[in-house]
N, C-alpha and C. Protein backbone atom coordinates (compact mmCIF):
# COMPACT_ATOMS: atom_id res chain seq x y z
N UNK A 1 -92.65 -48.38 58.60
CA UNK A 1 -91.89 -47.42 59.38
C UNK A 1 -90.58 -48.05 59.88
N UNK A 2 -90.67 -49.29 60.27
CA UNK A 2 -89.47 -49.97 60.75
C UNK A 2 -88.45 -50.12 59.63
N UNK A 3 -88.93 -50.49 58.45
CA UNK A 3 -88.03 -50.65 57.30
C UNK A 3 -87.40 -49.31 56.93
N UNK A 4 -88.19 -48.24 56.94
CA UNK A 4 -87.65 -46.92 56.62
C UNK A 4 -86.60 -46.51 57.64
N UNK A 5 -86.85 -46.80 58.89
CA UNK A 5 -85.87 -46.48 59.93
C UNK A 5 -84.58 -47.26 59.76
N UNK A 6 -84.71 -48.54 59.46
CA UNK A 6 -83.52 -49.37 59.27
C UNK A 6 -82.71 -48.91 58.06
N UNK A 7 -83.42 -48.63 56.96
CA UNK A 7 -82.70 -48.16 55.76
C UNK A 7 -82.10 -46.78 55.99
N UNK A 8 -82.80 -45.92 56.72
CA UNK A 8 -82.25 -44.61 57.04
C UNK A 8 -81.00 -44.71 57.90
N UNK A 9 -81.03 -45.62 58.86
CA UNK A 9 -79.84 -45.83 59.69
C UNK A 9 -78.67 -46.33 58.88
N UNK A 10 -78.93 -47.25 57.96
CA UNK A 10 -77.88 -47.76 57.09
C UNK A 10 -77.33 -46.63 56.21
N UNK A 11 -78.22 -45.82 55.68
CA UNK A 11 -77.82 -44.71 54.82
C UNK A 11 -76.91 -43.75 55.57
N UNK A 12 -77.29 -43.36 56.75
CA UNK A 12 -76.50 -42.41 57.52
C UNK A 12 -75.17 -43.01 57.94
N UNK A 13 -75.18 -44.28 58.29
CA UNK A 13 -73.95 -44.90 58.78
C UNK A 13 -72.92 -45.15 57.69
N UNK A 14 -73.37 -45.57 56.49
CA UNK A 14 -72.41 -46.00 55.48
C UNK A 14 -72.31 -45.10 54.25
N UNK A 15 -73.36 -44.41 53.87
CA UNK A 15 -73.33 -43.64 52.64
C UNK A 15 -73.03 -42.17 52.85
N UNK A 16 -73.62 -41.59 53.87
CA UNK A 16 -73.49 -40.14 54.07
C UNK A 16 -72.20 -39.87 54.83
N UNK A 17 -71.22 -39.37 54.10
CA UNK A 17 -69.95 -39.06 54.74
C UNK A 17 -69.68 -37.57 54.79
N UNK A 18 -70.50 -36.78 54.07
CA UNK A 18 -70.35 -35.33 54.09
C UNK A 18 -71.68 -34.69 53.70
N UNK A 19 -71.74 -33.38 53.82
CA UNK A 19 -72.95 -32.67 53.43
C UNK A 19 -73.18 -32.76 51.92
N UNK A 20 -72.11 -32.81 51.15
CA UNK A 20 -72.23 -32.92 49.70
C UNK A 20 -72.88 -34.26 49.32
N UNK A 21 -72.47 -35.33 49.98
CA UNK A 21 -73.05 -36.64 49.71
C UNK A 21 -74.53 -36.66 50.07
N UNK A 22 -74.89 -36.05 51.20
CA UNK A 22 -76.28 -35.99 51.61
C UNK A 22 -77.10 -35.17 50.61
N UNK A 23 -76.55 -34.05 50.17
CA UNK A 23 -77.23 -33.24 49.16
C UNK A 23 -77.43 -33.99 47.86
N UNK A 24 -76.43 -34.73 47.45
CA UNK A 24 -76.53 -35.55 46.23
C UNK A 24 -77.61 -36.61 46.37
N UNK A 25 -77.68 -37.21 47.55
CA UNK A 25 -78.73 -38.21 47.79
C UNK A 25 -80.11 -37.57 47.67
N UNK A 26 -80.28 -36.38 48.25
CA UNK A 26 -81.58 -35.71 48.18
C UNK A 26 -81.93 -35.33 46.74
N UNK A 27 -80.95 -34.90 45.96
CA UNK A 27 -81.21 -34.55 44.56
C UNK A 27 -81.63 -35.79 43.77
N UNK A 28 -80.91 -36.88 43.94
CA UNK A 28 -81.25 -38.11 43.23
C UNK A 28 -82.63 -38.60 43.66
N UNK A 29 -82.91 -38.54 44.95
CA UNK A 29 -84.21 -38.95 45.46
C UNK A 29 -85.32 -38.09 44.88
N UNK A 30 -85.12 -36.78 44.82
CA UNK A 30 -86.14 -35.88 44.27
C UNK A 30 -86.35 -36.14 42.78
N UNK A 31 -85.28 -36.39 42.04
CA UNK A 31 -85.41 -36.68 40.62
C UNK A 31 -86.17 -37.98 40.37
N UNK A 32 -85.91 -38.99 41.18
CA UNK A 32 -86.64 -40.26 41.04
C UNK A 32 -88.13 -40.07 41.34
N UNK A 33 -88.44 -39.29 42.37
CA UNK A 33 -89.85 -39.06 42.69
C UNK A 33 -90.54 -38.24 41.60
N UNK A 34 -89.83 -37.25 41.05
CA UNK A 34 -90.41 -36.45 39.97
C UNK A 34 -90.63 -37.29 38.72
N UNK A 35 -89.69 -38.18 38.41
CA UNK A 35 -89.85 -39.06 37.25
C UNK A 35 -91.03 -40.00 37.45
N UNK A 36 -91.18 -40.50 38.66
CA UNK A 36 -92.31 -41.38 38.95
C UNK A 36 -93.63 -40.64 38.78
N UNK A 37 -93.71 -39.42 39.28
CA UNK A 37 -94.93 -38.62 39.14
C UNK A 37 -95.21 -38.33 37.67
N UNK A 38 -94.19 -37.95 36.93
CA UNK A 38 -94.36 -37.64 35.51
C UNK A 38 -94.84 -38.86 34.73
N UNK A 39 -94.25 -40.00 34.98
CA UNK A 39 -94.65 -41.21 34.26
C UNK A 39 -96.08 -41.61 34.61
N UNK A 40 -96.47 -41.46 35.85
CA UNK A 40 -97.85 -41.82 36.22
C UNK A 40 -98.85 -40.88 35.55
N UNK A 41 -98.50 -39.60 35.42
CA UNK A 41 -99.39 -38.65 34.77
C UNK A 41 -99.44 -38.90 33.27
N UNK A 42 -98.32 -39.20 32.66
CA UNK A 42 -98.31 -39.50 31.23
C UNK A 42 -99.13 -40.75 30.92
N UNK A 43 -98.98 -41.77 31.75
CA UNK A 43 -99.75 -42.99 31.55
C UNK A 43 -101.24 -42.74 31.78
N UNK A 44 -101.57 -41.92 32.76
CA UNK A 44 -102.96 -41.64 33.07
C UNK A 44 -103.66 -40.95 31.91
N UNK A 45 -103.00 -39.96 31.31
CA UNK A 45 -103.65 -39.19 30.26
C UNK A 45 -103.46 -39.80 28.87
N UNK A 46 -102.49 -40.68 28.70
CA UNK A 46 -102.32 -41.32 27.40
C UNK A 46 -103.36 -42.42 27.20
N UNK A 47 -103.84 -43.01 28.27
CA UNK A 47 -104.85 -44.07 28.17
C UNK A 47 -106.19 -43.48 27.76
N UNK A 48 -106.59 -42.38 28.39
CA UNK A 48 -107.89 -41.79 28.09
C UNK A 48 -107.84 -40.86 26.90
N UNK A 49 -106.70 -40.23 26.67
CA UNK A 49 -106.57 -39.30 25.55
C UNK A 49 -107.09 -37.92 25.86
N UNK A 50 -107.85 -37.78 26.92
CA UNK A 50 -108.36 -36.47 27.31
C UNK A 50 -108.65 -36.48 28.80
N UNK A 51 -108.99 -35.34 29.30
CA UNK A 51 -109.31 -35.20 30.71
C UNK A 51 -110.79 -35.49 30.90
N UNK A 52 -111.10 -36.43 31.77
CA UNK A 52 -112.49 -36.75 32.08
C UNK A 52 -113.01 -35.78 33.12
N UNK A 53 -114.33 -35.74 33.27
CA UNK A 53 -114.94 -34.90 34.29
C UNK A 53 -114.54 -35.36 35.68
N UNK A 54 -114.24 -36.64 35.84
CA UNK A 54 -113.84 -37.16 37.16
C UNK A 54 -112.42 -36.73 37.52
N UNK A 55 -111.65 -36.24 36.55
CA UNK A 55 -110.28 -35.82 36.81
C UNK A 55 -110.20 -34.36 37.27
N UNK A 56 -111.29 -33.65 37.25
CA UNK A 56 -111.28 -32.23 37.64
C UNK A 56 -111.93 -32.05 39.00
N UNK A 57 -111.58 -30.97 39.64
CA UNK A 57 -112.14 -30.64 40.94
C UNK A 57 -113.19 -29.56 40.73
N UNK A 58 -114.40 -29.83 41.14
CA UNK A 58 -115.47 -28.85 41.00
C UNK A 58 -115.76 -28.24 42.35
N UNK A 59 -116.07 -26.94 42.32
CA UNK A 59 -116.39 -26.25 43.58
C UNK A 59 -117.83 -25.90 43.61
């Protein structure tokens, strides 16, 4: 939490100079998170080749 606060303070002080810059940061951040999620899912299913019973939610 302390590291996130320090980096957030640095970001606001030096990088964010307008709303457009802040929006660009959020878009880049969202794209990086989406790419990370996609890669983890591709790696997860490429190793097994199929969906296991443990990968599903049963009710």
